[in-house]
């Protein structure tokens, strides 16, 4: 669900940049912006929102949301990492584009796949526990 939110945000942000290029009459910038943002989108807001959403699900699980959940180290580690990656992505260091973004894109997806693997392992363990101790879970 987090990745879906990231896709929506990236689309609206790209539309805003494209509108700015259209209004300025600089069509080269307009096309370049749309092209680069579409190529790099999966490694930016999509991955970062997915990671943030996964971190949130890890801390909430099946409990009712409480604000203090957002200060748990399990959530904060991932969230701060996502914020740092976004800050690096936007840093105006000369010569970093597009190689810096490609590196961050790869790092983001390595984290996404690690989170997926962790989640699948957790599901497998819960499924095994449920199948092994079925009466523990009956209401």
N, C-alpha and C. Protein backbone atom coordinates (compact mmCIF):
# COMPACT_ATOMS: atom_id res chain seq x y z
N UNK A 1 0.82 -1.18 0.00
CA UNK A 1 0.00 0.00 0.00
C UNK A 1 0.88 1.26 0.00
N UNK A 2 1.98 1.20 0.73
CA UNK A 2 2.89 2.35 0.76
C UNK A 2 3.43 2.68 -0.61
N UNK A 3 3.78 1.66 -1.38
CA UNK A 3 4.29 1.89 -2.73
C UNK A 3 3.24 2.54 -3.61
N UNK A 4 1.99 2.18 -3.43
CA UNK A 4 0.90 2.78 -4.19
C UNK A 4 0.79 4.27 -3.89
N UNK A 5 0.92 4.61 -2.63
CA UNK A 5 0.92 6.03 -2.24
C UNK A 5 2.11 6.73 -2.89
N UNK A 6 3.26 6.08 -2.91
CA UNK A 6 4.44 6.66 -3.54
C UNK A 6 4.26 6.90 -5.02
N UNK A 7 3.60 5.97 -5.70
CA UNK A 7 3.32 6.14 -7.14
C UNK A 7 2.44 7.36 -7.36
N UNK A 8 1.40 7.48 -6.56
CA UNK A 8 0.49 8.63 -6.70
C UNK A 8 1.21 9.94 -6.45
N UNK A 9 2.02 9.98 -5.39
CA UNK A 9 2.74 11.20 -5.09
C UNK A 9 3.72 11.55 -6.21
N UNK A 10 4.47 10.54 -6.68
CA UNK A 10 5.44 10.78 -7.76
C UNK A 10 4.75 11.30 -9.01
N UNK A 11 3.57 10.76 -9.32
CA UNK A 11 2.83 11.21 -10.51
C UNK A 11 2.41 12.67 -10.37
N UNK A 12 1.88 13.03 -9.19
CA UNK A 12 1.46 14.43 -8.99
C UNK A 12 2.66 15.37 -8.99
N UNK A 13 3.75 14.95 -8.39
CA UNK A 13 4.94 15.80 -8.36
C UNK A 13 5.49 15.99 -9.77
N UNK A 14 5.54 14.92 -10.55
CA UNK A 14 6.01 15.01 -11.93
C UNK A 14 5.10 15.90 -12.75
N UNK A 15 3.80 15.80 -12.54
CA UNK A 15 2.85 16.65 -13.26
C UNK A 15 3.12 18.13 -12.93
N UNK A 16 3.44 18.41 -11.68
CA UNK A 16 3.76 19.78 -11.29
C UNK A 16 5.01 20.30 -11.98
N UNK A 17 6.06 19.46 -12.02
CA UNK A 17 7.28 19.85 -12.73
C UNK A 17 7.02 20.03 -14.22
N UNK A 18 6.23 19.14 -14.79
CA UNK A 18 5.91 19.23 -16.21
C UNK A 18 5.12 20.51 -16.51
N UNK A 19 4.19 20.84 -15.64
CA UNK A 19 3.41 22.07 -15.81
C UNK A 19 4.32 23.29 -15.78
N UNK A 20 5.27 23.27 -14.86
CA UNK A 20 6.21 24.38 -14.77
C UNK A 20 7.00 24.51 -16.08
N UNK A 21 7.45 23.39 -16.63
CA UNK A 21 8.17 23.40 -17.91
C UNK A 21 7.30 23.88 -19.05
N UNK A 22 6.02 23.47 -19.02
CA UNK A 22 5.08 23.87 -20.07
C UNK A 22 4.81 25.37 -20.01
N UNK A 23 4.60 25.89 -18.81
CA UNK A 23 4.32 27.32 -18.65
C UNK A 23 5.52 28.16 -19.06
N UNK A 24 6.72 27.67 -18.73
CA UNK A 24 7.93 28.44 -19.08
C UNK A 24 8.23 28.37 -20.58
N UNK A 25 7.60 27.44 -21.28
CA UNK A 25 7.82 27.31 -22.72
C UNK A 25 9.09 26.54 -23.06
N UNK A 26 9.74 26.00 -22.04
CA UNK A 26 10.98 25.25 -22.26
C UNK A 26 10.62 23.77 -22.45
N UNK A 27 10.34 23.40 -23.70
CA UNK A 27 9.85 22.05 -23.98
C UNK A 27 10.93 20.99 -23.81
N UNK A 28 12.19 21.38 -24.01
CA UNK A 28 13.28 20.42 -23.80
C UNK A 28 13.31 20.01 -22.32
N UNK A 29 13.20 20.99 -21.43
CA UNK A 29 13.17 20.70 -20.00
C UNK A 29 11.94 19.88 -19.64
N UNK A 30 10.83 20.20 -20.25
CA UNK A 30 9.59 19.46 -20.01
C UNK A 30 9.77 17.98 -20.35
N UNK A 31 10.27 17.70 -21.53
CA UNK A 31 10.45 16.31 -21.96
C UNK A 31 11.51 15.59 -21.13
N UNK A 32 12.61 16.28 -20.87
CA UNK A 32 13.69 15.67 -20.08
C UNK A 32 13.21 15.35 -18.67
N UNK A 33 12.44 16.26 -18.08
CA UNK A 33 11.92 16.03 -16.73
C UNK A 33 11.00 14.82 -16.70
N UNK A 34 10.07 14.75 -17.63
CA UNK A 34 9.14 13.62 -17.66
C UNK A 34 9.89 12.31 -17.91
N UNK A 35 10.85 12.33 -18.82
CA UNK A 35 11.61 11.12 -19.13
C UNK A 35 12.39 10.63 -17.92
N UNK A 36 13.21 11.50 -17.33
CA UNK A 36 14.04 11.08 -16.20
C UNK A 36 13.22 10.69 -14.99
N UNK A 37 12.18 11.45 -14.71
CA UNK A 37 11.36 11.12 -13.53
C UNK A 37 10.62 9.80 -13.73
N UNK A 38 10.21 9.50 -14.95
CA UNK A 38 9.52 8.22 -15.18
C UNK A 38 10.50 7.06 -15.08
N UNK A 39 11.73 7.25 -15.55
CA UNK A 39 12.73 6.18 -15.46
C UNK A 39 13.20 5.93 -14.03
N UNK A 40 13.29 7.00 -13.26
CA UNK A 40 13.82 6.88 -11.90
C UNK A 40 12.74 6.72 -10.82
N UNK A 41 11.48 6.87 -11.19
CA UNK A 41 10.39 6.82 -10.21
C UNK A 41 10.37 5.55 -9.35
N UNK A 42 10.60 4.37 -9.93
CA UNK A 42 10.53 3.17 -9.09
C UNK A 42 11.56 3.15 -7.95
N UNK A 43 12.66 3.85 -8.11
CA UNK A 43 13.68 3.86 -7.08
C UNK A 43 13.56 5.02 -6.12
N UNK A 44 12.63 5.90 -6.36
CA UNK A 44 12.44 7.06 -5.50
C UNK A 44 11.23 6.90 -4.61
N UNK A 45 10.23 7.74 -4.84
CA UNK A 45 9.05 7.75 -3.97
C UNK A 45 8.35 6.40 -3.87
N UNK A 46 8.36 5.62 -4.94
CA UNK A 46 7.68 4.32 -4.91
C UNK A 46 8.34 3.41 -3.88
N UNK A 47 9.65 3.26 -3.98
CA UNK A 47 10.38 2.39 -3.05
C UNK A 47 10.35 2.96 -1.64
N UNK A 48 10.55 4.27 -1.52
CA UNK A 48 10.63 4.88 -0.19
C UNK A 48 9.30 4.81 0.55
N UNK A 49 8.22 5.08 -0.14
CA UNK A 49 6.90 4.99 0.51
C UNK A 49 6.58 3.52 0.83
N UNK A 50 7.01 2.61 -0.03
CA UNK A 50 6.82 1.19 0.24
C UNK A 50 7.58 0.76 1.49
N UNK A 51 8.82 1.23 1.62
CA UNK A 51 9.62 0.91 2.80
C UNK A 51 9.01 1.52 4.06
N UNK A 52 8.56 2.76 3.97
CA UNK A 52 7.94 3.41 5.13
C UNK A 52 6.66 2.69 5.53
N UNK A 53 5.86 2.30 4.53
CA UNK A 53 4.63 1.56 4.81
C UNK A 53 4.91 0.21 5.44
N UNK A 54 5.93 -0.48 4.95
CA UNK A 54 6.30 -1.77 5.51
C UNK A 54 6.78 -1.62 6.96
N UNK A 55 7.57 -0.58 7.21
CA UNK A 55 8.05 -0.33 8.57
C UNK A 55 6.89 -0.04 9.50
N UNK A 56 5.92 0.71 9.01
CA UNK A 56 4.74 1.01 9.81
C UNK A 56 3.97 -0.27 10.12
N UNK A 57 3.79 -1.12 9.12
CA UNK A 57 3.07 -2.38 9.34
C UNK A 57 3.80 -3.28 10.32
N UNK A 58 5.14 -3.24 10.30
CA UNK A 58 5.91 -4.05 11.23
C UNK A 58 5.67 -3.64 12.67
N UNK A 59 5.52 -2.36 12.92
CA UNK A 59 5.33 -1.92 14.31
C UNK A 59 3.88 -1.99 14.75
N UNK A 60 2.96 -1.85 13.82
CA UNK A 60 1.55 -1.86 14.20
C UNK A 60 1.01 -3.27 14.29
N UNK A 61 1.33 -4.10 13.31
CA UNK A 61 0.85 -5.47 13.17
C UNK A 61 -0.66 -5.49 13.28
N UNK A 62 -1.23 -6.05 14.35
CA UNK A 62 -2.69 -6.12 14.47
C UNK A 62 -3.20 -5.28 15.64
N UNK A 63 -2.34 -4.37 16.13
CA UNK A 63 -2.74 -3.52 17.25
C UNK A 63 -3.36 -2.23 16.74
N UNK A 64 -4.13 -1.58 17.61
CA UNK A 64 -4.70 -0.28 17.29
C UNK A 64 -3.56 0.74 17.25
N UNK A 65 -3.62 1.67 16.29
CA UNK A 65 -2.55 2.66 16.14
C UNK A 65 -2.46 3.56 17.36
N UNK A 66 -1.23 3.78 17.80
CA UNK A 66 -0.92 4.74 18.85
C UNK A 66 0.26 5.57 18.37
N UNK A 67 0.25 6.84 18.66
CA UNK A 67 1.28 7.76 18.19
C UNK A 67 2.69 7.34 18.61
N UNK A 68 2.81 6.75 19.80
CA UNK A 68 4.14 6.36 20.28
C UNK A 68 4.75 5.22 19.46
N UNK A 69 3.98 4.59 18.60
CA UNK A 69 4.53 3.56 17.72
C UNK A 69 5.56 4.15 16.76
N UNK A 70 5.39 5.42 16.42
CA UNK A 70 6.27 6.07 15.45
C UNK A 70 7.65 6.39 16.00
N UNK A 71 7.86 6.20 17.30
CA UNK A 71 9.19 6.43 17.87
C UNK A 71 9.88 5.11 18.22
N UNK A 72 9.30 4.01 17.81
CA UNK A 72 9.94 2.71 18.04
C UNK A 72 11.15 2.59 17.12
N UNK A 73 12.27 2.09 17.63
CA UNK A 73 13.49 1.97 16.83
C UNK A 73 13.30 1.17 15.54
N UNK A 74 12.45 0.16 15.59
CA UNK A 74 12.19 -0.67 14.41
C UNK A 74 11.65 0.17 13.25
N UNK A 75 10.79 1.14 13.57
CA UNK A 75 10.23 2.05 12.56
C UNK A 75 11.23 3.16 12.21
N UNK A 76 11.80 3.77 13.24
CA UNK A 76 12.67 4.92 13.04
C UNK A 76 13.90 4.60 12.19
N UNK A 77 14.47 3.41 12.36
CA UNK A 77 15.65 3.04 11.56
C UNK A 77 15.34 3.13 10.07
N UNK A 78 14.24 2.56 9.67
CA UNK A 78 13.89 2.55 8.25
C UNK A 78 13.46 3.94 7.80
N UNK A 79 12.64 4.60 8.60
CA UNK A 79 12.14 5.92 8.22
C UNK A 79 13.29 6.93 8.07
N UNK A 80 14.23 6.93 9.00
CA UNK A 80 15.36 7.86 8.92
C UNK A 80 16.22 7.52 7.70
N UNK A 81 16.40 6.24 7.42
CA UNK A 81 17.15 5.84 6.23
C UNK A 81 16.47 6.34 4.96
N UNK A 82 15.14 6.23 4.90
CA UNK A 82 14.38 6.72 3.75
C UNK A 82 14.53 8.24 3.61
N UNK A 83 14.44 8.95 4.71
CA UNK A 83 14.60 10.41 4.68
C UNK A 83 16.01 10.79 4.20
N UNK A 84 17.02 10.08 4.68
CA UNK A 84 18.39 10.36 4.24
C UNK A 84 18.58 10.06 2.75
N UNK A 85 17.99 8.96 2.27
CA UNK A 85 18.10 8.64 0.84
C UNK A 85 17.42 9.72 0.00
N UNK A 86 16.27 10.20 0.45
CA UNK A 86 15.57 11.25 -0.28
C UNK A 86 16.40 12.54 -0.29
N UNK A 87 17.00 12.85 0.85
CA UNK A 87 17.84 14.06 0.91
C UNK A 87 19.03 13.95 -0.02
N UNK A 88 19.67 12.78 -0.06
CA UNK A 88 20.79 12.57 -0.98
C UNK A 88 20.34 12.67 -2.43
N UNK A 89 19.17 12.12 -2.70
CA UNK A 89 18.61 12.15 -4.07
C UNK A 89 18.47 13.59 -4.56
N UNK A 90 18.01 14.46 -3.67
CA UNK A 90 17.74 15.86 -4.04
C UNK A 90 18.95 16.78 -3.88
N UNK A 91 20.07 16.26 -3.36
CA UNK A 91 21.25 17.09 -3.15
C UNK A 91 21.80 17.57 -4.48
N UNK A 92 22.03 18.89 -4.59
CA UNK A 92 22.52 19.43 -5.86
C UNK A 92 24.04 19.33 -6.00
N UNK A 93 24.58 18.12 -5.88
CA UNK A 93 26.02 17.93 -6.04
C UNK A 93 26.31 17.85 -7.54
N UNK A 94 27.26 18.65 -7.99
CA UNK A 94 27.61 18.69 -9.41
C UNK A 94 28.12 17.33 -9.87
N UNK A 95 27.58 16.85 -10.97
CA UNK A 95 28.03 15.60 -11.56
C UNK A 95 27.44 14.33 -10.98
N UNK A 96 26.57 14.45 -9.99
CA UNK A 96 26.00 13.25 -9.36
C UNK A 96 24.87 12.64 -10.21
N UNK A 97 24.17 13.48 -10.97
CA UNK A 97 23.04 13.00 -11.77
C UNK A 97 23.52 12.33 -13.04
N UNK A 98 23.04 11.22 -13.44
CA UNK A 98 22.05 10.34 -12.84
C UNK A 98 22.66 9.19 -12.04
N UNK A 99 24.01 9.15 -11.93
CA UNK A 99 24.64 8.00 -11.29
C UNK A 99 24.32 7.89 -9.80
N UNK A 100 24.25 9.02 -9.12
CA UNK A 100 23.88 9.00 -7.70
C UNK A 100 22.47 8.47 -7.52
N UNK A 101 21.56 8.90 -8.39
CA UNK A 101 20.18 8.43 -8.30
C UNK A 101 20.09 6.93 -8.62
N UNK A 102 20.87 6.48 -9.59
CA UNK A 102 20.87 5.04 -9.92
C UNK A 102 21.40 4.21 -8.75
N UNK A 103 22.43 4.71 -8.09
CA UNK A 103 22.96 4.01 -6.92
C UNK A 103 21.91 3.96 -5.81
N UNK A 104 21.26 5.10 -5.54
CA UNK A 104 20.21 5.14 -4.51
C UNK A 104 19.02 4.26 -4.89
N UNK A 105 18.72 4.20 -6.18
CA UNK A 105 17.64 3.35 -6.66
C UNK A 105 17.96 1.89 -6.35
N UNK A 106 19.18 1.46 -6.64
CA UNK A 106 19.59 0.08 -6.36
C UNK A 106 19.55 -0.20 -4.86
N UNK A 107 20.07 0.74 -4.07
CA UNK A 107 20.07 0.57 -2.61
C UNK A 107 18.64 0.47 -2.06
N UNK A 108 17.75 1.30 -2.60
CA UNK A 108 16.35 1.28 -2.16
C UNK A 108 15.72 -0.07 -2.43
N UNK A 109 15.96 -0.61 -3.63
CA UNK A 109 15.33 -1.89 -3.98
C UNK A 109 15.96 -3.07 -3.26
N UNK A 110 17.23 -2.96 -2.92
CA UNK A 110 17.84 -4.00 -2.08
C UNK A 110 17.11 -4.03 -0.73
N UNK A 111 16.86 -2.86 -0.18
CA UNK A 111 16.10 -2.78 1.09
C UNK A 111 14.67 -3.29 0.92
N UNK A 112 14.02 -2.93 -0.19
CA UNK A 112 12.65 -3.40 -0.44
C UNK A 112 12.62 -4.93 -0.46
N UNK A 113 13.54 -5.55 -1.19
CA UNK A 113 13.55 -7.01 -1.28
C UNK A 113 13.89 -7.65 0.06
N UNK A 114 14.75 -7.01 0.85
CA UNK A 114 15.04 -7.53 2.20
C UNK A 114 13.79 -7.47 3.07
N UNK A 115 13.03 -6.37 2.96
CA UNK A 115 11.80 -6.24 3.75
C UNK A 115 10.76 -7.27 3.30
N UNK A 116 10.66 -7.49 2.01
CA UNK A 116 9.73 -8.51 1.50
C UNK A 116 10.12 -9.87 2.04
N UNK A 117 11.41 -10.18 1.97
CA UNK A 117 11.88 -11.48 2.47
C UNK A 117 11.59 -11.63 3.95
N UNK A 118 11.82 -10.57 4.71
CA UNK A 118 11.55 -10.60 6.16
C UNK A 118 10.05 -10.82 6.41
N UNK A 119 9.21 -10.13 5.65
CA UNK A 119 7.76 -10.29 5.82
C UNK A 119 7.29 -11.69 5.46
N UNK A 120 7.83 -12.25 4.38
CA UNK A 120 7.45 -13.61 3.99
C UNK A 120 7.91 -14.63 5.02
N UNK A 121 9.07 -14.41 5.60
CA UNK A 121 9.57 -15.30 6.65
C UNK A 121 8.65 -15.24 7.87
N UNK A 122 8.23 -14.04 8.21
CA UNK A 122 7.34 -13.85 9.36
C UNK A 122 5.99 -14.55 9.12
N UNK A 123 5.47 -14.42 7.91
CA UNK A 123 4.21 -15.09 7.56
C UNK A 123 4.38 -16.60 7.62
N UNK A 124 5.48 -17.09 7.10
CA UNK A 124 5.74 -18.53 7.12
C UNK A 124 5.82 -19.06 8.54
N UNK A 125 6.49 -18.32 9.42
CA UNK A 125 6.60 -18.74 10.82
C UNK A 125 5.24 -18.75 11.50
N UNK A 126 4.44 -17.73 11.24
CA UNK A 126 3.10 -17.68 11.85
C UNK A 126 2.22 -18.80 11.30
N UNK A 127 2.34 -19.06 10.01
CA UNK A 127 1.56 -20.14 9.40
C UNK A 127 1.97 -21.49 9.99
N UNK A 128 3.28 -21.71 10.15
CA UNK A 128 3.76 -22.96 10.72
C UNK A 128 3.25 -23.10 12.15
N UNK A 129 3.35 -22.02 12.93
CA UNK A 129 2.89 -22.05 14.31
C UNK A 129 1.40 -22.35 14.38
N UNK A 130 0.62 -21.74 13.46
CA UNK A 130 -0.83 -21.97 13.45
C UNK A 130 -1.13 -23.42 13.10
N UNK A 131 -0.44 -23.97 12.10
CA UNK A 131 -0.68 -25.35 11.69
C UNK A 131 -0.20 -26.34 12.76
N UNK A 132 0.86 -25.99 13.47
CA UNK A 132 1.41 -26.89 14.47
C UNK A 132 0.61 -26.84 15.77
N UNK A 133 0.09 -25.66 16.13
CA UNK A 133 -0.70 -25.47 17.35
C UNK A 133 -2.06 -24.89 17.00
N UNK A 134 -2.92 -25.60 16.28
CA UNK A 134 -4.18 -25.02 15.80
C UNK A 134 -5.15 -24.62 16.90
N UNK A 135 -5.12 -25.28 18.05
CA UNK A 135 -6.10 -24.97 19.09
C UNK A 135 -5.74 -23.73 19.88
N UNK A 136 -4.50 -23.29 19.76
CA UNK A 136 -4.06 -22.07 20.42
C UNK A 136 -4.75 -20.84 19.84
N UNK A 137 -5.21 -20.94 18.59
CA UNK A 137 -5.72 -19.78 17.87
C UNK A 137 -7.25 -19.78 17.74
N UNK A 138 -7.91 -20.78 18.29
CA UNK A 138 -9.37 -20.81 18.16
C UNK A 138 -10.00 -19.86 19.16
N UNK A 139 -11.13 -19.27 18.76
CA UNK A 139 -11.80 -18.29 19.63
C UNK A 139 -12.96 -18.92 20.35
